[in-house]
Amino acid sequence: MQNGYSTSNAPVKMSARKVDVFYGDKQALKGIDLDVPARSVTALIGPSGCGKSTFLRSLNRMNDTVRGCRVQGEIKLDTLDVYDNSVDVVQLRARVGMVFQKPNPFPKSIYENVAYGPRIHGLAESREELDAIVEKSLKQAGLWKEVGDRLAEGGTGLSGGQQQRLCIARALAVSPEVILMDEPCSALDPIATAHIEELIDELREEYTIVIVTHSMQQAARVSQRTAFFHLGILVETGDTKTIFTNPSDERTQGYITGRFG
């Protein structure tokens, strides 16, 4: 399948149509058409500089923070036009959360890292409700057993893998619908990586996940759909097994077999 339209039975959670992204005069993405099915993991793969992180960041308007960046085309979250002038970007990023490549906990306590989002969005009316959100989010992120008895300690004192799960808990605390992950395991050791991969598999039962990964093995393990980017173009997308075993484009075949990338 050459285009990016979803053939899976899952309803579409996010969709991109004819998306172009420019950094100044340089075009980073060209005419991207891609559907992201609900409650599944979509992996974006491709060589460094191919545009996969740029596309990921366009889904919740993180590119707005990059000077000189322009996004053209249409990106929708359900029926909401993400780039409509009326969209509250803070609210959008609550619905479409982000986990970055390098764990970036706030220089606050473990508790305050998770409570921050619910506080600013007014999601808890009492300390009890806030406590419950913090506990639920840390449990969902697979971290409660390790930190539940030391919530007052600093989040930056945790191990790298724990910090990344804390950042996932922080994203979960505002009840997102979509979670974007930009190479979330690249700074982690194999054991911490395995923890995050197990977590992704559990989270997809409730959330839509889009992950950028440089590891094809990881894409094959965690995703149900894979999109292959090359030189700013979406070459092909399909169910992960098909992309890895029987891709329809020779560029995909070349990347997967290690002939380039």
C-alpha atoms as a PDB file:
ATOM      1  CA  MET A   1       0.000   0.000   0.000  1.00  0.00           C
ATOM      2  CA  GLN A   2       1.569   3.268  -1.123  1.00  0.00           C
ATOM      3  CA  ASN A   3      -0.516   5.882   0.647  1.00  0.00           C
ATOM      4  CA  GLY A   4      -0.973   6.430   4.357  1.00  0.00           C
ATOM      5  CA  TYR A   5      -4.658   5.645   4.703  1.00  0.00           C
ATOM      6  CA  SER A   6      -5.616   3.185   7.386  1.00  0.00           C
ATOM      7  CA  THR A   7      -6.884  -0.215   6.353  1.00  0.00           C
ATOM      8  CA  SER A   8      -7.316  -1.415   9.905  1.00  0.00           C
ATOM      9  CA  ASN A   9     -10.784  -1.826  11.393  1.00  0.00           C
ATOM     10  CA  ALA A  10     -10.091   0.553  14.274  1.00  0.00           C
ATOM     11  CA  PRO A  11     -11.702   3.996  14.056  1.00  0.00           C
ATOM     12  CA  VAL A  12      -9.311   6.781  13.081  1.00  0.00           C
ATOM     13  CA  LYS A  13      -8.214   8.931  16.045  1.00  0.00           C
ATOM     14  CA  MET A  14      -5.947  11.362  14.208  1.00  0.00           C
ATOM     15  CA  SER A  15      -5.553  12.034  10.510  1.00  0.00           C
ATOM     16  CA  ALA A  16      -3.151  14.038   8.387  1.00  0.00           C
ATOM     17  CA  ARG A  17      -3.916  15.187   4.851  1.00  0.00           C
ATOM     18  CA  LYS A  18      -1.456  16.866   2.484  1.00  0.00           C
ATOM     19  CA  VAL A  19       0.733  18.005   5.382  1.00  0.00           C
ATOM     20  CA  ASP A  20       3.790  20.058   4.440  1.00  0.00           C
ATOM     21  CA  VAL A  21       6.199  21.396   7.064  1.00  0.00           C
ATOM     22  CA  PHE A  22       8.810  24.078   6.415  1.00  0.00           C
ATOM     23  CA  TYR A  23      11.682  25.338   8.555  1.00  0.00           C
ATOM     24  CA  GLY A  24      12.268  28.727   6.946  1.00  0.00           C
ATOM     25  CA  ASP A  25      12.854  27.949   3.264  1.00  0.00           C
ATOM     26  CA  LYS A  26      13.651  24.275   3.866  1.00  0.00           C
ATOM     27  CA  GLN A  27      10.796  21.825   3.350  1.00  0.00           C
ATOM     28  CA  ALA A  28      11.004  19.041   5.936  1.00  0.00           C
ATOM     29  CA  LEU A  29       7.772  17.168   5.089  1.00  0.00           C
ATOM     30  CA  LYS A  30       6.039  16.842   1.741  1.00  0.00           C
ATOM     31  CA  GLY A  31       2.379  15.968   1.306  1.00  0.00           C
ATOM     32  CA  ILE A  32       1.946  13.561   4.228  1.00  0.00           C
ATOM     33  CA  ASP A  33      -1.324  11.563   4.288  1.00  0.00           C
ATOM     34  CA  LEU A  34      -1.601   9.309   7.324  1.00  0.00           C
ATOM     35  CA  ASP A  35      -4.349   7.908   9.525  1.00  0.00           C
ATOM     36  CA  VAL A  36      -3.645   6.984  13.153  1.00  0.00           C
ATOM     37  CA  PRO A  37      -6.062   4.281  14.385  1.00  0.00           C
ATOM     38  CA  ALA A  38      -7.509   4.568  17.876  1.00  0.00           C
ATOM     39  CA  ARG A  39      -6.227   2.450  20.776  1.00  0.00           C
ATOM     40  CA  SER A  40      -3.242   1.046  18.953  1.00  0.00           C
ATOM     41  CA  VAL A  41       0.443   1.834  18.525  1.00  0.00           C
ATOM     42  CA  THR A  42       1.608   3.435  15.286  1.00  0.00           C
ATOM     43  CA  ALA A  43       5.405   3.443  14.804  1.00  0.00           C
ATOM     44  CA  LEU A  44       7.155   6.040  12.646  1.00  0.00           C
ATOM     45  CA  ILE A  45      10.454   4.713  11.293  1.00  0.00           C
ATOM     46  CA  GLY A  46      13.098   5.928   8.871  1.00  0.00           C
ATOM     47  CA  PRO A  47      16.676   7.244   8.698  1.00  0.00           C
ATOM     48  CA  SER A  48      17.808  10.226  10.782  1.00  0.00           C
ATOM     49  CA  GLY A  49      16.540  13.497   9.364  1.00  0.00           C
ATOM     50  CA  CYS A  50      13.729  11.874   7.376  1.00  0.00           C
ATOM     51  CA  GLY A  51      10.982  13.930   9.041  1.00  0.00           C
ATOM     52  CA  LYS A  52       9.456  11.434  11.459  1.00  0.00           C
ATOM     53  CA  SER A  53       9.990  13.563  14.595  1.00  0.00           C
ATOM     54  CA  THR A  54       8.866  16.669  12.705  1.00  0.00           C
ATOM     55  CA  PHE A  55       5.632  14.888  11.819  1.00  0.00           C
ATOM     56  CA  LEU A  56       5.154  13.665  15.393  1.00  0.00           C
ATOM     57  CA  ARG A  57       5.600  17.190  16.752  1.00  0.00           C
ATOM     58  CA  SER A  58       3.090  18.562  14.262  1.00  0.00           C
ATOM     59  CA  LEU A  59       0.339  16.368  15.781  1.00  0.00           C
ATOM     60  CA  ASN A  60       0.136  18.465  18.967  1.00  0.00           C
ATOM     61  CA  ARG A  61       1.602  21.676  17.555  1.00  0.00           C
ATOM     62  CA  MET A  62       4.945  21.374  19.320  1.00  0.00           C
ATOM     63  CA  ASN A  63       6.396  22.826  16.106  1.00  0.00           C
ATOM     64  CA  ASP A  64       4.689  26.102  17.083  1.00  0.00           C
ATOM     65  CA  THR A  65       7.594  26.562  19.496  1.00  0.00           C
ATOM     66  CA  VAL A  66      10.166  26.391  16.662  1.00  0.00           C
ATOM     67  CA  ARG A  67      10.933  29.760  15.124  1.00  0.00           C
ATOM     68  CA  GLY A  68      10.312  29.913  11.388  1.00  0.00           C
ATOM     69  CA  CYS A  69       8.381  26.636  11.295  1.00  0.00           C
ATOM     70  CA  ARG A  70       5.245  26.552   9.101  1.00  0.00           C
ATOM     71  CA  VAL A  71       2.739  23.708   8.862  1.00  0.00           C
ATOM     72  CA  GLN A  72       0.350  23.466   5.900  1.00  0.00           C
ATOM     73  CA  GLY A  73      -2.399  20.941   5.213  1.00  0.00           C
ATOM     74  CA  GLU A  74      -4.898  19.416   7.610  1.00  0.00           C
ATOM     75  CA  ILE A  75      -4.395  17.513  10.846  1.00  0.00           C
ATOM     76  CA  LYS A  76      -7.463  16.357  12.748  1.00  0.00           C
ATOM     77  CA  LEU A  77      -8.039  14.908  16.205  1.00  0.00           C
ATOM     78  CA  ASP A  78     -11.377  13.179  15.757  1.00  0.00           C
ATOM     79  CA  THR A  79     -13.273  16.040  14.055  1.00  0.00           C
ATOM     80  CA  LEU A  80     -11.191  18.882  15.541  1.00  0.00           C
ATOM     81  CA  ASP A  81      -8.938  20.746  13.101  1.00  0.00           C
ATOM     82  CA  VAL A  82      -5.783  20.930  15.221  1.00  0.00           C
ATOM     83  CA  TYR A  83      -4.469  24.042  13.408  1.00  0.00           C
ATOM     84  CA  ASP A  84      -7.710  26.015  13.537  1.00  0.00           C
ATOM     85  CA  ASN A  85      -7.138  29.484  15.011  1.00  0.00           C
ATOM     86  CA  SER A  86      -9.760  28.838  17.691  1.00  0.00           C
ATOM     87  CA  VAL A  87      -7.888  25.845  19.155  1.00  0.00           C
ATOM     88  CA  ASP A  88      -6.486  26.301  22.666  1.00  0.00           C
ATOM     89  CA  VAL A  89      -3.000  24.829  22.319  1.00  0.00           C
ATOM     90  CA  VAL A  90      -2.715  24.125  26.060  1.00  0.00           C
ATOM     91  CA  GLN A  91      -5.926  22.095  25.945  1.00  0.00           C
ATOM     92  CA  LEU A  92      -4.780  20.353  22.754  1.00  0.00           C
ATOM     93  CA  ARG A  93      -1.547  19.246  24.428  1.00  0.00           C
ATOM     94  CA  ALA A  94      -3.553  17.882  27.348  1.00  0.00           C
ATOM     95  CA  ARG A  95      -5.529  15.725  24.879  1.00  0.00           C
ATOM     96  CA  VAL A  96      -2.405  14.853  22.859  1.00  0.00           C
ATOM     97  CA  GLY A  97       0.393  14.317  25.393  1.00  0.00           C
ATOM     98  CA  MET A  98       4.105  14.056  24.659  1.00  0.00           C
ATOM     99  CA  VAL A  99       6.977  12.001  26.045  1.00  0.00           C
ATOM    100  CA  PHE A 100      10.388  13.145  24.881  1.00  0.00           C
ATOM    101  CA  GLN A 101      13.583  11.364  23.953  1.00  0.00           C
ATOM    102  CA  LYS A 102      15.428  12.376  27.100  1.00  0.00           C
ATOM    103  CA  PRO A 103      13.544  12.067  30.400  1.00  0.00           C
ATOM    104  CA  ASN A 104      12.730  15.606  31.526  1.00  0.00           C
ATOM    105  CA  PRO A 105      11.141  15.528  34.990  1.00  0.00           C
ATOM    106  CA  PHE A 106      10.530  18.892  36.615  1.00  0.00           C
ATOM    107  CA  PRO A 107      12.920  19.817  39.459  1.00  0.00           C
ATOM    108  CA  LYS A 108      10.107  19.077  41.905  1.00  0.00           C
ATOM    109  CA  SER A 109       9.009  16.137  44.029  1.00  0.00           C
ATOM    110  CA  ILE A 110       7.720  12.946  42.416  1.00  0.00           C
ATOM    111  CA  TYR A 111       4.229  13.912  43.618  1.00  0.00           C
ATOM    112  CA  GLU A 112       4.407  17.447  42.213  1.00  0.00           C
ATOM    113  CA  ASN A 113       5.663  16.191  38.836  1.00  0.00           C
ATOM    114  CA  VAL A 114       2.452  14.215  38.382  1.00  0.00           C
ATOM    115  CA  ALA A 115       0.131  16.692  40.121  1.00  0.00           C
ATOM    116  CA  TYR A 116       1.289  19.672  38.041  1.00  0.00           C
ATOM    117  CA  GLY A 117      -0.939  19.061  35.007  1.00  0.00           C
ATOM    118  CA  PRO A 118      -4.149  18.236  36.891  1.00  0.00           C
ATOM    119  CA  ARG A 119      -3.585  21.380  38.988  1.00  0.00           C
ATOM    120  CA  ILE A 120      -3.230  23.801  36.070  1.00  0.00           C
ATOM    121  CA  HIS A 121      -6.139  22.193  34.212  1.00  0.00           C
ATOM    122  CA  GLY A 122      -8.368  22.202  37.289  1.00  0.00           C
ATOM    123  CA  LEU A 123      -8.974  18.454  37.185  1.00  0.00           C
ATOM    124  CA  ALA A 124      -9.084  17.968  40.962  1.00  0.00           C
ATOM    125  CA  GLU A 125     -11.347  19.789  43.388  1.00  0.00           C
ATOM    126  CA  SER A 126      -9.676  18.505  46.540  1.00  0.00           C
ATOM    127  CA  ARG A 127      -6.389  17.144  47.810  1.00  0.00           C
ATOM    128  CA  GLU A 128      -8.000  13.683  47.968  1.00  0.00           C
ATOM    129  CA  GLU A 129      -8.903  13.832  44.275  1.00  0.00           C
ATOM    130  CA  LEU A 130      -5.399  15.002  43.411  1.00  0.00           C
ATOM    131  CA  ASP A 131      -3.880  12.189  45.510  1.00  0.00           C
ATOM    132  CA  ALA A 132      -6.059   9.698  43.637  1.00  0.00           C
ATOM    133  CA  ILE A 133      -4.984  11.052  40.219  1.00  0.00           C
ATOM    134  CA  VAL A 134      -1.300  10.901  41.215  1.00  0.00           C
ATOM    135  CA  GLU A 135      -1.619   7.334  42.483  1.00  0.00           C
ATOM    136  CA  LYS A 136      -3.578   6.151  39.431  1.00  0.00           C
ATOM    137  CA  SER A 137      -1.128   7.779  36.997  1.00  0.00           C
ATOM    138  CA  LEU A 138       1.923   6.284  38.732  1.00  0.00           C
ATOM    139  CA  LYS A 139       0.239   2.868  38.750  1.00  0.00           C
ATOM    140  CA  GLN A 140      -0.562   3.148  35.042  1.00  0.00           C
ATOM    141  CA  ALA A 141       3.073   4.070  34.396  1.00  0.00           C
ATOM    142  CA  GLY A 142       4.249   1.030  36.365  1.00  0.00           C
ATOM    143  CA  LEU A 143       6.033   3.179  38.923  1.00  0.00           C
ATOM    144  CA  TRP A 144       3.819   3.166  42.028  1.00  0.00           C
ATOM    145  CA  LYS A 145       5.397   0.119  43.678  1.00  0.00           C
ATOM    146  CA  GLU A 146       8.832   1.710  43.375  1.00  0.00           C
ATOM    147  CA  VAL A 147       8.021   5.263  44.497  1.00  0.00           C
ATOM    148  CA  GLY A 148       4.656   5.132  46.311  1.00  0.00           C
ATOM    149  CA  ASP A 149       6.308   5.466  49.709  1.00  0.00           C
ATOM    150  CA  ARG A 150       8.627   8.355  48.745  1.00  0.00           C
ATOM    151  CA  LEU A 151       6.490  10.793  46.802  1.00  0.00           C
ATOM    152  CA  ALA A 152       8.114  13.781  48.508  1.00  0.00           C
ATOM    153  CA  GLU A 153      11.540  12.930  47.065  1.00  0.00           C
ATOM    154  CA  GLY A 154      12.817  14.740  43.973  1.00  0.00           C
ATOM    155  CA  GLY A 155      11.884  13.326  40.572  1.00  0.00           C
ATOM    156  CA  THR A 156      15.364  14.051  39.226  1.00  0.00           C
ATOM    157  CA  GLY A 157      16.858  11.611  41.759  1.00  0.00           C
ATOM    158  CA  LEU A 158      15.286   8.594  40.065  1.00  0.00           C
ATOM    159  CA  SER A 159      17.093   6.329  37.606  1.00  0.00           C
ATOM    160  CA  GLY A 160      16.807   7.132  33.889  1.00  0.00           C
ATOM    161  CA  GLY A 161      14.150   4.497  33.298  1.00  0.00           C
ATOM    162  CA  GLN A 162      12.169   5.600  36.336  1.00  0.00           C
ATOM    163  CA  GLN A 163      12.404   9.223  35.229  1.00  0.00           C
ATOM    164  CA  GLN A 164      10.972   8.294  31.833  1.00  0.00           C
ATOM    165  CA  ARG A 165       8.090   6.414  33.470  1.00  0.00           C
ATOM    166  CA  LEU A 166       7.534   9.468  35.691  1.00  0.00           C
ATOM    167  CA  CYS A 167       7.265  11.580  32.535  1.00  0.00           C
ATOM    168  CA  ILE A 168       4.740   9.074  31.166  1.00  0.00           C
ATOM    169  CA  ALA A 169       2.786   9.308  34.451  1.00  0.00           C
ATOM    170  CA  ARG A 170       2.884  13.101  34.110  1.00  0.00           C
ATOM    171  CA  ALA A 171       1.395  12.845  30.618  1.00  0.00           C
ATOM    172  CA  LEU A 172      -1.276  10.368  31.794  1.00  0.00           C
ATOM    173  CA  ALA A 173      -2.334  12.551  34.735  1.00  0.00           C
ATOM    174  CA  VAL A 174      -4.329  14.941  32.514  1.00  0.00           C
ATOM    175  CA  SER A 175      -6.268  12.050  30.898  1.00  0.00           C
ATOM    176  CA  PRO A 176      -4.954  12.369  27.347  1.00  0.00           C
ATOM    177  CA  GLU A 177      -6.528  10.603  24.392  1.00  0.00           C
ATOM    178  CA  VAL A 178      -3.282  10.326  22.399  1.00  0.00           C
ATOM    179  CA  ILE A 179       0.297   9.903  23.641  1.00  0.00           C
ATOM    180  CA  LEU A 180       3.188  10.889  21.366  1.00  0.00           C
ATOM    181  CA  MET A 181       6.549   9.305  22.160  1.00  0.00           C
ATOM    182  CA  ASP A 182       9.717  10.604  20.503  1.00  0.00           C
ATOM    183  CA  GLU A 183      12.331   7.831  20.803  1.00  0.00           C
ATOM    184  CA  PRO A 184      11.383   7.306  24.470  1.00  0.00           C
ATOM    185  CA  CYS A 185      13.954   4.558  25.050  1.00  0.00           C
ATOM    186  CA  SER A 186      17.004   5.934  23.233  1.00  0.00           C
ATOM    187  CA  ALA A 187      18.621   7.166  26.475  1.00  0.00           C
ATOM    188  CA  LEU A 188      17.776   3.999  28.441  1.00  0.00           C
ATOM    189  CA  ASP A 189      19.502   0.674  29.110  1.00  0.00           C
ATOM    190  CA  PRO A 190      17.972  -2.613  27.825  1.00  0.00           C
ATOM    191  CA  ILE A 191      16.172  -3.434  31.096  1.00  0.00           C
ATOM    192  CA  ALA A 192      14.581   0.026  31.361  1.00  0.00           C
ATOM    193  CA  THR A 193      13.704  -0.200  27.651  1.00  0.00           C
ATOM    194  CA  ALA A 194      11.912  -3.512  28.231  1.00  0.00           C
ATOM    195  CA  HIS A 195       9.896  -1.870  31.050  1.00  0.00           C
ATOM    196  CA  ILE A 196       8.802   0.976  28.759  1.00  0.00           C
ATOM    197  CA  GLU A 197       7.896  -1.437  25.946  1.00  0.00           C
ATOM    198  CA  GLU A 198       5.730  -3.524  28.297  1.00  0.00           C
ATOM    199  CA  LEU A 199       4.115  -0.320  29.484  1.00  0.00           C
ATOM    200  CA  ILE A 200       3.337   0.803  25.916  1.00  0.00           C
ATOM    201  CA  ASP A 201       1.669  -2.543  25.273  1.00  0.00           C
ATOM    202  CA  GLU A 202      -0.546  -2.090  28.344  1.00  0.00           C
ATOM    203  CA  LEU A 203      -1.371   1.559  27.637  1.00  0.00           C
ATOM    204  CA  ARG A 204      -2.646   0.936  24.123  1.00  0.00           C
ATOM    205  CA  GLU A 205      -5.751  -0.697  25.578  1.00  0.00           C
ATOM    206  CA  GLU A 206      -6.841   2.780  26.721  1.00  0.00           C
ATOM    207  CA  TYR A 207      -4.823   5.236  24.649  1.00  0.00           C
ATOM    208  CA  THR A 208      -3.785   5.917  21.072  1.00  0.00           C
ATOM    209  CA  ILE A 209       0.017   5.914  20.854  1.00  0.00           C
ATOM    210  CA  VAL A 210       2.337   7.230  18.146  1.00  0.00           C
ATOM    211  CA  ILE A 211       6.008   6.389  18.655  1.00  0.00           C
ATOM    212  CA  VAL A 212       9.084   7.521  16.756  1.00  0.00           C
ATOM    213  CA  THR A 213      11.822   4.928  17.078  1.00  0.00           C
ATOM    214  CA  HIS A 214      15.229   4.415  15.495  1.00  0.00           C
ATOM    215  CA  SER A 215      15.020   0.740  16.473  1.00  0.00           C
ATOM    216  CA  MET A 216      13.235  -1.413  13.930  1.00  0.00           C
ATOM    217  CA  GLN A 217      13.188  -4.254  16.450  1.00  0.00           C
ATOM    218  CA  GLN A 218      11.308  -1.994  18.839  1.00  0.00           C
ATOM    219  CA  ALA A 219       8.835  -0.944  16.133  1.00  0.00           C
ATOM    220  CA  ALA A 220       8.214  -4.606  15.339  1.00  0.00           C
ATOM    221  CA  ARG A 221       7.707  -5.449  19.035  1.00  0.00           C
ATOM    222  CA  VAL A 222       5.404  -2.637  20.160  1.00  0.00           C
ATOM    223  CA  SER A 223       3.391  -1.407  17.167  1.00  0.00           C
ATOM    224  CA  GLN A 224       0.414  -2.629  15.213  1.00  0.00           C
ATOM    225  CA  ARG A 225       0.977  -0.199  12.338  1.00  0.00           C
ATOM    226  CA  THR A 226       4.195   1.198  10.902  1.00  0.00           C
ATOM    227  CA  ALA A 227       4.833   4.219   8.684  1.00  0.00           C
ATOM    228  CA  PHE A 228       8.167   4.518   6.853  1.00  0.00           C
ATOM    229  CA  PHE A 229       9.478   8.031   6.177  1.00  0.00           C
ATOM    230  CA  HIS A 230      12.343   8.867   3.823  1.00  0.00           C
ATOM    231  CA  LEU A 231      13.614  12.320   2.800  1.00  0.00           C
ATOM    232  CA  GLY A 232      10.485  14.064   4.056  1.00  0.00           C
ATOM    233  CA  ILE A 233       8.100  11.729   2.250  1.00  0.00           C
ATOM    234  CA  LEU A 234       5.838   9.041   3.687  1.00  0.00           C
ATOM    235  CA  VAL A 235       6.912   6.123   1.524  1.00  0.00           C
ATOM    236  CA  GLU A 236       4.387   3.585   2.765  1.00  0.00           C
ATOM    237  CA  THR A 237       2.370   2.524   5.761  1.00  0.00           C
ATOM    238  CA  GLY A 238       0.504  -0.606   6.724  1.00  0.00           C
ATOM    239  CA  ASP A 239       0.171  -3.177   9.441  1.00  0.00           C
ATOM    240  CA  THR A 240       3.532  -3.727  11.077  1.00  0.00           C
ATOM    241  CA  LYS A 241       3.903  -7.373  10.137  1.00  0.00           C
ATOM    242  CA  THR A 242       3.344  -6.615   6.453  1.00  0.00           C
ATOM    243  CA  ILE A 243       5.728  -3.652   6.430  1.00  0.00           C
ATOM    244  CA  PHE A 244       8.502  -5.772   7.949  1.00  0.00           C
ATOM    245  CA  THR A 245       7.923  -8.983   5.993  1.00  0.00           C
ATOM    246  CA  ASN A 246       6.485  -7.860   2.668  1.00  0.00           C
ATOM    247  CA  PRO A 247       6.894  -4.115   2.056  1.00  0.00           C
ATOM    248  CA  SER A 248       5.581  -2.860  -1.267  1.00  0.00           C
ATOM    249  CA  ASP A 249       8.281  -0.235  -1.865  1.00  0.00           C
ATOM    250  CA  GLU A 250      11.916  -1.094  -2.501  1.00  0.00           C
ATOM    251  CA  ARG A 251      13.043   1.881  -0.374  1.00  0.00           C
ATOM    252  CA  THR A 252      11.269   0.348   2.629  1.00  0.00           C
ATOM    253  CA  GLN A 253      12.850  -3.001   1.836  1.00  0.00           C
ATOM    254  CA  GLY A 254      16.266  -1.354   1.600  1.00  0.00           C
ATOM    255  CA  TYR A 255      15.909   0.375   4.965  1.00  0.00           C
ATOM    256  CA  ILE A 256      14.557  -2.670   6.787  1.00  0.00           C
ATOM    257  CA  THR A 257      17.298  -4.936   5.442  1.00  0.00           C
ATOM    258  CA  GLY A 258      19.955  -2.390   6.382  1.00  0.00           C
ATOM    259  CA  ARG A 259      21.065  -1.402   2.874  1.00  0.00           C
ATOM    260  CA  PHE A 260      20.763   2.250   3.893  1.00  0.00           C
ATOM    261  CA  GLY A 261      19.753   4.282   6.912  1.00  0.00           C
END
